[in-house]
Amino acid sequence: MRVVGFMILRNGLKMDYPFREAILSALPVCDLFYVAVGQSEDDTRAAVAALNDPRLVILDSQWDLSLREGGKVLAQETNKLLAQLPPCDWALYLQADEVLHEDDYPALRESLERYVHDPRVEGLVFDYLHFYGSYRWVGASRRWYRREVRVIRPWPDMQAYRDAQGFRRAGRKLRVKRSGARIFHYGWVRPPEKQRAKLQELHRYWHDDTWIATHLPERFIYDGHDRLVPFSGTHPAVMKERVCQESWHFEYDPARVKRPLHERLLEWIEVRTGWRPGEFRNYRLI
């Protein structure tokens, strides 16, 4: 069984992405890991190369920054890289702020091996932990997607969907199985000033400069009005240094969170049944 990982990346240092931790977390389950680095205004490429792992393959890519609608450039770059992967049984896709936990390697490997010869299984779906404001709090409202496909068959008709959050095959949802593993998503955990810089850069893939100038606040403040739950587990070992460096203050009081009645009702149903009414799934569990 051959597994190849892949990631697109641009200005990773400028936006303070944990891309090095993400790559390191994937290497134990990959034979090779491809990183396509776009034209950057920092030393992102050198930082990737400094990981100095023989399984790591760096490709240079020129992003079309004129695509400023719906994150299309992210899908375009993902598809370009996907087309350059070598022959393999599975392709493991990670975004630059997504990290695997070493405790989940056995379950993930078992799933990869179990379904490798079953062509009905087109991908594997992962459970998500979305950290917000702090490494101590996890998003628990309907705002956060619960699962997404991160392992796919590298077939020619596989394509990134919309802004590359997920994938589709010939335009339809993938038929998938549960991977038994988690994605630790750190897209909303960094010092507030760095979070603002990240948003300013990232918005360029969705909006024009006028929109950014009128919608991005001068000072970013984490909003404590969404439903969060305390995280009591362990973070991936590769994240230890980042977690220990948390120096900003994020205040969250669940008692002060006021949400509409319909949201509370839907969450009550989910907590008691596991069913999330109206949930969008970019895949089909089989």
Protein backbone atom coordinates (compact mmCIF):
# COMPACT_ATOMS: atom_id res chain seq x y z
CA MET A 1 0.00 0.00 0.00
CA ARG A 2 1.37 3.39 -1.01
CA VAL A 3 0.19 6.64 0.59
CA VAL A 4 1.21 10.07 -0.68
CA GLY A 5 0.42 13.24 1.23
CA PHE A 6 -0.06 16.66 -0.33
CA MET A 7 -0.52 20.30 0.68
CA ILE A 8 -0.65 23.68 -1.04
CA LEU A 9 1.03 26.57 0.73
CA ARG A 10 1.73 30.25 0.28
CA ASN A 11 2.93 32.85 2.81
CA GLY A 12 2.73 30.25 5.58
CA LEU A 13 5.06 32.15 7.89
CA LYS A 14 3.37 35.49 7.26
CA MET A 15 0.00 34.00 8.21
CA ASP A 16 1.48 32.02 11.11
CA TYR A 17 0.18 28.67 9.90
CA PRO A 18 1.36 25.54 11.74
CA PHE A 19 2.32 24.07 8.35
CA ARG A 20 5.53 22.49 9.60
CA GLU A 21 3.63 20.74 12.39
CA ALA A 22 0.99 19.62 9.89
CA ILE A 23 3.58 18.10 7.56
CA LEU A 24 5.43 16.39 10.42
CA SER A 25 2.16 14.92 11.70
CA ALA A 26 1.45 13.34 8.30
CA LEU A 27 4.89 11.92 7.50
CA PRO A 28 4.54 8.81 9.73
CA VAL A 29 1.65 7.54 7.57
CA CYS A 30 3.00 8.66 4.18
CA ASP A 31 5.58 7.23 1.81
CA LEU A 32 6.01 10.68 0.27
CA PHE A 33 4.63 14.13 1.06
CA TYR A 34 4.30 16.76 -1.68
CA VAL A 35 4.15 20.48 -0.88
CA ALA A 36 3.38 22.95 -3.65
CA VAL A 37 4.68 26.35 -2.54
CA GLY A 38 3.27 29.40 -4.26
CA GLN A 39 5.12 32.68 -4.75
CA SER A 40 5.53 33.95 -1.20
CA GLU A 41 6.57 37.18 0.50
CA ASP A 42 8.37 35.32 3.28
CA ASP A 43 10.68 32.32 3.77
CA THR A 44 7.95 29.68 3.59
CA ARG A 45 9.79 27.55 1.04
CA ALA A 46 13.01 27.56 3.07
CA ALA A 47 11.04 26.62 6.19
CA VAL A 48 9.59 23.59 4.43
CA ALA A 49 13.00 22.57 3.09
CA ALA A 50 14.48 22.92 6.59
CA LEU A 51 12.37 19.96 7.72
CA ASN A 52 14.98 17.95 5.81
CA ASP A 53 13.03 14.72 5.39
CA PRO A 54 13.76 12.44 2.40
CA ARG A 55 10.02 11.81 1.96
CA LEU A 56 9.37 15.50 1.41
CA VAL A 57 8.99 16.79 -2.17
CA ILE A 58 8.74 20.54 -2.77
CA LEU A 59 7.24 21.91 -5.97
CA ASP A 60 7.09 25.56 -6.95
CA SER A 61 3.80 26.96 -8.20
CA GLN A 62 2.59 30.29 -9.54
CA TRP A 63 -0.79 31.22 -8.07
CA ASP A 64 -3.25 33.13 -10.24
CA LEU A 65 -4.04 35.92 -7.78
CA SER A 66 -6.58 37.41 -10.16
CA LEU A 67 -9.00 34.70 -9.02
CA ARG A 68 -10.55 36.59 -6.13
CA GLU A 69 -13.92 34.95 -5.86
CA GLY A 70 -15.04 32.01 -3.75
CA GLY A 71 -11.53 30.76 -3.03
CA LYS A 72 -11.23 29.42 -6.60
CA VAL A 73 -7.46 29.78 -6.62
CA LEU A 74 -7.24 27.30 -3.71
CA ALA A 75 -9.12 24.65 -5.68
CA GLN A 76 -7.08 25.40 -8.79
CA GLU A 77 -3.79 24.96 -6.94
CA THR A 78 -5.02 21.81 -5.20
CA ASN A 79 -6.02 20.27 -8.53
CA LYS A 80 -2.68 21.23 -10.10
CA LEU A 81 -0.83 19.44 -7.32
CA LEU A 82 -3.15 16.45 -7.32
CA ALA A 83 -2.39 15.95 -11.02
CA GLN A 84 1.36 15.86 -10.26
CA LEU A 85 1.27 13.19 -7.56
CA PRO A 86 3.05 9.92 -8.34
CA PRO A 87 1.06 6.66 -8.58
CA CYS A 88 -0.31 5.65 -5.19
CA ASP A 89 -3.24 3.88 -3.56
CA TRP A 90 -4.29 6.78 -1.34
CA ALA A 91 -3.66 10.53 -1.30
CA LEU A 92 -3.74 12.27 2.09
CA TYR A 93 -4.64 15.95 1.83
CA LEU A 94 -3.92 18.38 4.66
CA GLN A 95 -4.45 22.10 4.77
CA ALA A 96 -1.72 24.17 6.38
CA ASP A 97 -3.57 24.50 9.70
CA GLU A 98 -4.68 20.85 10.02
CA VAL A 99 -2.70 18.44 12.20
CA LEU A 100 -3.01 14.71 12.82
CA HIS A 101 -2.68 13.21 16.30
CA GLU A 102 -0.21 10.39 16.82
CA ASP A 103 -2.77 8.51 18.94
CA ASP A 104 -4.87 8.10 15.78
CA TYR A 105 -2.18 6.56 13.57
CA PRO A 106 -3.14 2.92 14.31
CA ALA A 107 -6.82 3.50 13.47
CA LEU A 108 -5.96 5.46 10.34
CA ARG A 109 -3.52 2.82 9.10
CA GLU A 110 -6.07 0.10 9.79
CA SER A 111 -8.69 1.93 7.72
CA LEU A 112 -6.27 2.56 4.86
CA GLU A 113 -5.36 -1.12 4.74
CA ARG A 114 -8.93 -2.37 5.18
CA TYR A 115 -10.34 -0.45 2.22
CA VAL A 116 -7.34 -0.24 -0.10
CA HIS A 117 -8.67 -3.02 -2.35
CA ASP A 118 -12.33 -1.97 -2.17
CA PRO A 119 -12.96 0.38 -5.13
CA ARG A 120 -16.39 1.29 -3.75
CA VAL A 121 -14.58 3.33 -1.09
CA GLU A 122 -13.42 6.53 -2.77
CA GLY A 123 -12.17 8.28 0.32
CA LEU A 124 -11.98 8.46 4.10
CA VAL A 125 -13.64 11.06 6.28
CA PHE A 126 -12.09 12.54 9.45
CA ASP A 127 -13.69 13.96 12.60
CA TYR A 128 -12.79 17.60 13.28
CA LEU A 129 -11.79 19.56 16.35
CA HIS A 130 -11.96 23.28 15.56
CA PHE A 131 -10.02 25.27 18.13
CA TYR A 132 -11.08 28.87 18.63
CA GLY A 133 -9.43 31.72 20.48
CA SER A 134 -7.28 29.40 22.56
CA TYR A 135 -5.89 25.89 22.53
CA ARG A 136 -8.27 25.26 25.44
CA TRP A 137 -11.59 25.78 23.62
CA VAL A 138 -13.28 23.90 20.76
CA GLY A 139 -16.11 25.15 18.56
CA ALA A 140 -19.31 23.22 19.26
CA SER A 141 -22.01 25.10 17.37
CA ARG A 142 -23.50 24.33 13.97
CA ARG A 143 -21.14 26.91 12.50
CA TRP A 144 -18.35 24.32 12.54
CA TYR A 145 -18.38 21.35 10.17
CA ARG A 146 -18.04 18.05 12.01
CA ARG A 147 -16.32 15.94 9.36
CA GLU A 148 -14.58 16.23 6.01
CA VAL A 149 -12.76 14.01 3.50
CA ARG A 150 -9.00 14.09 3.80
CA VAL A 151 -7.99 10.81 2.14
CA ILE A 152 -8.96 10.21 -1.47
CA ARG A 153 -8.24 7.89 -4.37
CA PRO A 154 -5.89 9.84 -6.69
CA TRP A 155 -7.99 9.08 -9.76
CA PRO A 156 -8.06 11.44 -12.77
CA ASP A 157 -11.68 12.47 -12.19
CA MET A 158 -11.08 13.52 -8.57
CA GLN A 159 -11.24 17.29 -8.16
CA ALA A 160 -11.16 19.78 -5.31
CA TYR A 161 -14.59 21.24 -4.62
CA ARG A 162 -15.26 24.98 -4.40
CA ASP A 163 -12.46 26.41 -2.17
CA ALA A 164 -10.83 22.98 -1.72
CA GLN A 165 -12.46 22.24 1.61
CA GLY A 166 -13.33 18.84 0.14
CA PHE A 167 -13.39 16.79 -3.05
CA ARG A 168 -15.79 15.39 -5.60
CA ARG A 169 -15.55 12.75 -8.29
CA ALA A 170 -16.89 13.71 -11.72
CA GLY A 171 -18.96 16.36 -9.96
CA ARG A 172 -20.66 14.07 -7.43
CA LYS A 173 -20.08 13.49 -3.73
CA LEU A 174 -17.53 10.84 -2.81
CA ARG A 175 -18.54 7.51 -1.30
CA VAL A 176 -16.52 7.27 1.90
CA LYS A 177 -15.87 5.39 5.12
CA ARG A 178 -14.90 6.74 8.54
CA SER A 179 -11.14 6.90 9.02
CA GLY A 180 -11.20 6.56 12.79
CA ALA A 181 -8.89 9.58 12.99
CA ARG A 182 -9.24 13.26 13.86
CA ILE A 183 -8.13 16.52 12.32
CA PHE A 184 -7.00 19.13 14.84
CA HIS A 185 -7.88 22.39 13.09
CA TYR A 186 -5.95 25.44 14.31
CA GLY A 187 -7.23 28.05 11.86
CA TRP A 188 -8.56 30.28 14.62
CA VAL A 189 -5.78 30.00 17.23
CA ARG A 190 -2.91 32.50 17.08
CA PRO A 191 -2.13 35.88 18.67
CA PRO A 192 -4.89 38.37 17.70
CA GLU A 193 -2.54 40.57 15.69
CA LYS A 194 -1.37 37.55 13.70
CA GLN A 195 -4.96 36.40 13.23
CA ARG A 196 -5.77 39.78 11.68
CA ALA A 197 -2.75 39.49 9.35
CA LYS A 198 -3.87 36.01 8.35
CA LEU A 199 -7.40 37.17 7.59
CA GLN A 200 -6.13 40.13 5.59
CA GLU A 201 -4.06 37.80 3.40
CA LEU A 202 -6.66 35.06 3.18
CA HIS A 203 -9.49 37.41 2.20
CA ARG A 204 -7.54 38.10 -1.01
CA TYR A 205 -8.69 34.70 -2.27
CA TRP A 206 -12.37 35.64 -1.84
CA HIS A 207 -12.74 39.42 -2.08
CA ASP A 208 -11.36 42.55 -3.74
CA ASP A 209 -9.32 45.19 -1.94
CA THR A 210 -12.34 47.46 -1.40
CA TRP A 211 -14.24 44.73 0.44
CA ILE A 212 -11.21 43.95 2.61
CA ALA A 213 -10.68 47.62 3.49
CA THR A 214 -14.29 48.04 4.60
CA HIS A 215 -14.77 44.71 6.42
CA LEU A 216 -11.46 43.98 8.15
CA PRO A 217 -11.29 45.66 11.58
CA GLU A 218 -8.26 47.69 12.60
CA ARG A 219 -7.88 45.46 15.64
CA PHE A 220 -8.93 41.83 15.71
CA ILE A 221 -10.75 40.55 18.82
CA TYR A 222 -11.84 36.94 19.23
CA ASP A 223 -15.62 36.83 19.51
CA GLY A 224 -16.71 34.90 22.58
CA HIS A 225 -20.39 34.71 21.62
CA ASP A 226 -20.37 31.33 19.86
CA ARG A 227 -20.88 27.99 21.62
CA LEU A 228 -17.53 26.54 22.70
CA VAL A 229 -16.67 23.59 24.92
CA PRO A 230 -13.49 23.10 26.96
CA PHE A 231 -10.88 20.77 25.51
CA SER A 232 -9.71 18.18 28.01
CA GLY A 233 -7.63 15.92 25.77
CA THR A 234 -4.07 16.16 24.51
CA HIS A 235 -2.83 18.06 21.51
CA PRO A 236 -0.62 16.37 18.90
CA ALA A 237 2.94 16.08 20.15
CA VAL A 238 4.22 18.23 17.26
CA MET A 239 2.08 21.11 18.58
CA LYS A 240 3.61 21.12 22.07
CA GLU A 241 5.79 24.19 21.53
CA ARG A 242 3.00 26.24 19.98
CA VAL A 243 0.54 25.32 22.71
CA CYS A 244 3.06 26.28 25.41
CA GLN A 245 3.63 29.63 23.72
CA GLU A 246 0.02 30.78 24.05
CA SER A 247 0.49 34.21 25.60
CA TRP A 248 -2.63 36.16 24.68
CA HIS A 249 -5.75 36.33 26.83
CA PHE A 250 -9.00 34.86 25.54
CA GLU A 251 -11.94 35.27 27.86
CA TYR A 252 -14.91 32.97 27.38
CA ASP A 253 -17.91 32.58 29.67
CA PRO A 254 -20.52 30.04 28.44
CA ALA A 255 -23.14 31.66 30.66
CA ARG A 256 -22.87 34.90 28.66
CA VAL A 257 -23.49 33.23 25.30
CA LYS A 258 -26.96 34.10 24.04
CA ARG A 259 -28.21 32.19 21.01
CA PRO A 260 -31.56 32.14 19.20
CA LEU A 261 -34.13 29.59 20.32
CA HIS A 262 -33.98 27.65 17.04
CA GLU A 263 -30.20 27.18 17.40
CA ARG A 264 -30.58 25.89 20.94
CA LEU A 265 -33.33 23.52 19.84
CA LEU A 266 -31.25 22.11 16.99
CA GLU A 267 -28.25 21.66 19.28
CA TRP A 268 -30.47 19.93 21.87
CA ILE A 269 -31.50 17.43 19.17
CA GLU A 270 -27.89 16.89 18.13
CA VAL A 271 -26.59 16.35 21.65
CA ARG A 272 -29.26 13.75 22.41
CA THR A 273 -29.42 11.91 19.09
CA GLY A 274 -26.14 12.59 17.28
CA TRP A 275 -28.17 13.86 14.32
CA ARG A 276 -27.53 17.36 13.02
CA PRO A 277 -30.67 18.47 11.12
CA GLY A 278 -29.91 20.21 7.83
CA GLU A 279 -26.20 19.40 7.98
CA PHE A 280 -24.30 19.87 4.72
CA ARG A 281 -22.12 16.89 3.89
CA ASN A 282 -19.73 17.00 0.98
CA TYR A 283 -19.57 13.18 0.95
CA ARG A 284 -21.76 10.11 1.29
CA LEU A 285 -21.05 7.59 4.02
CA ILE A 286 -21.38 3.97 2.87
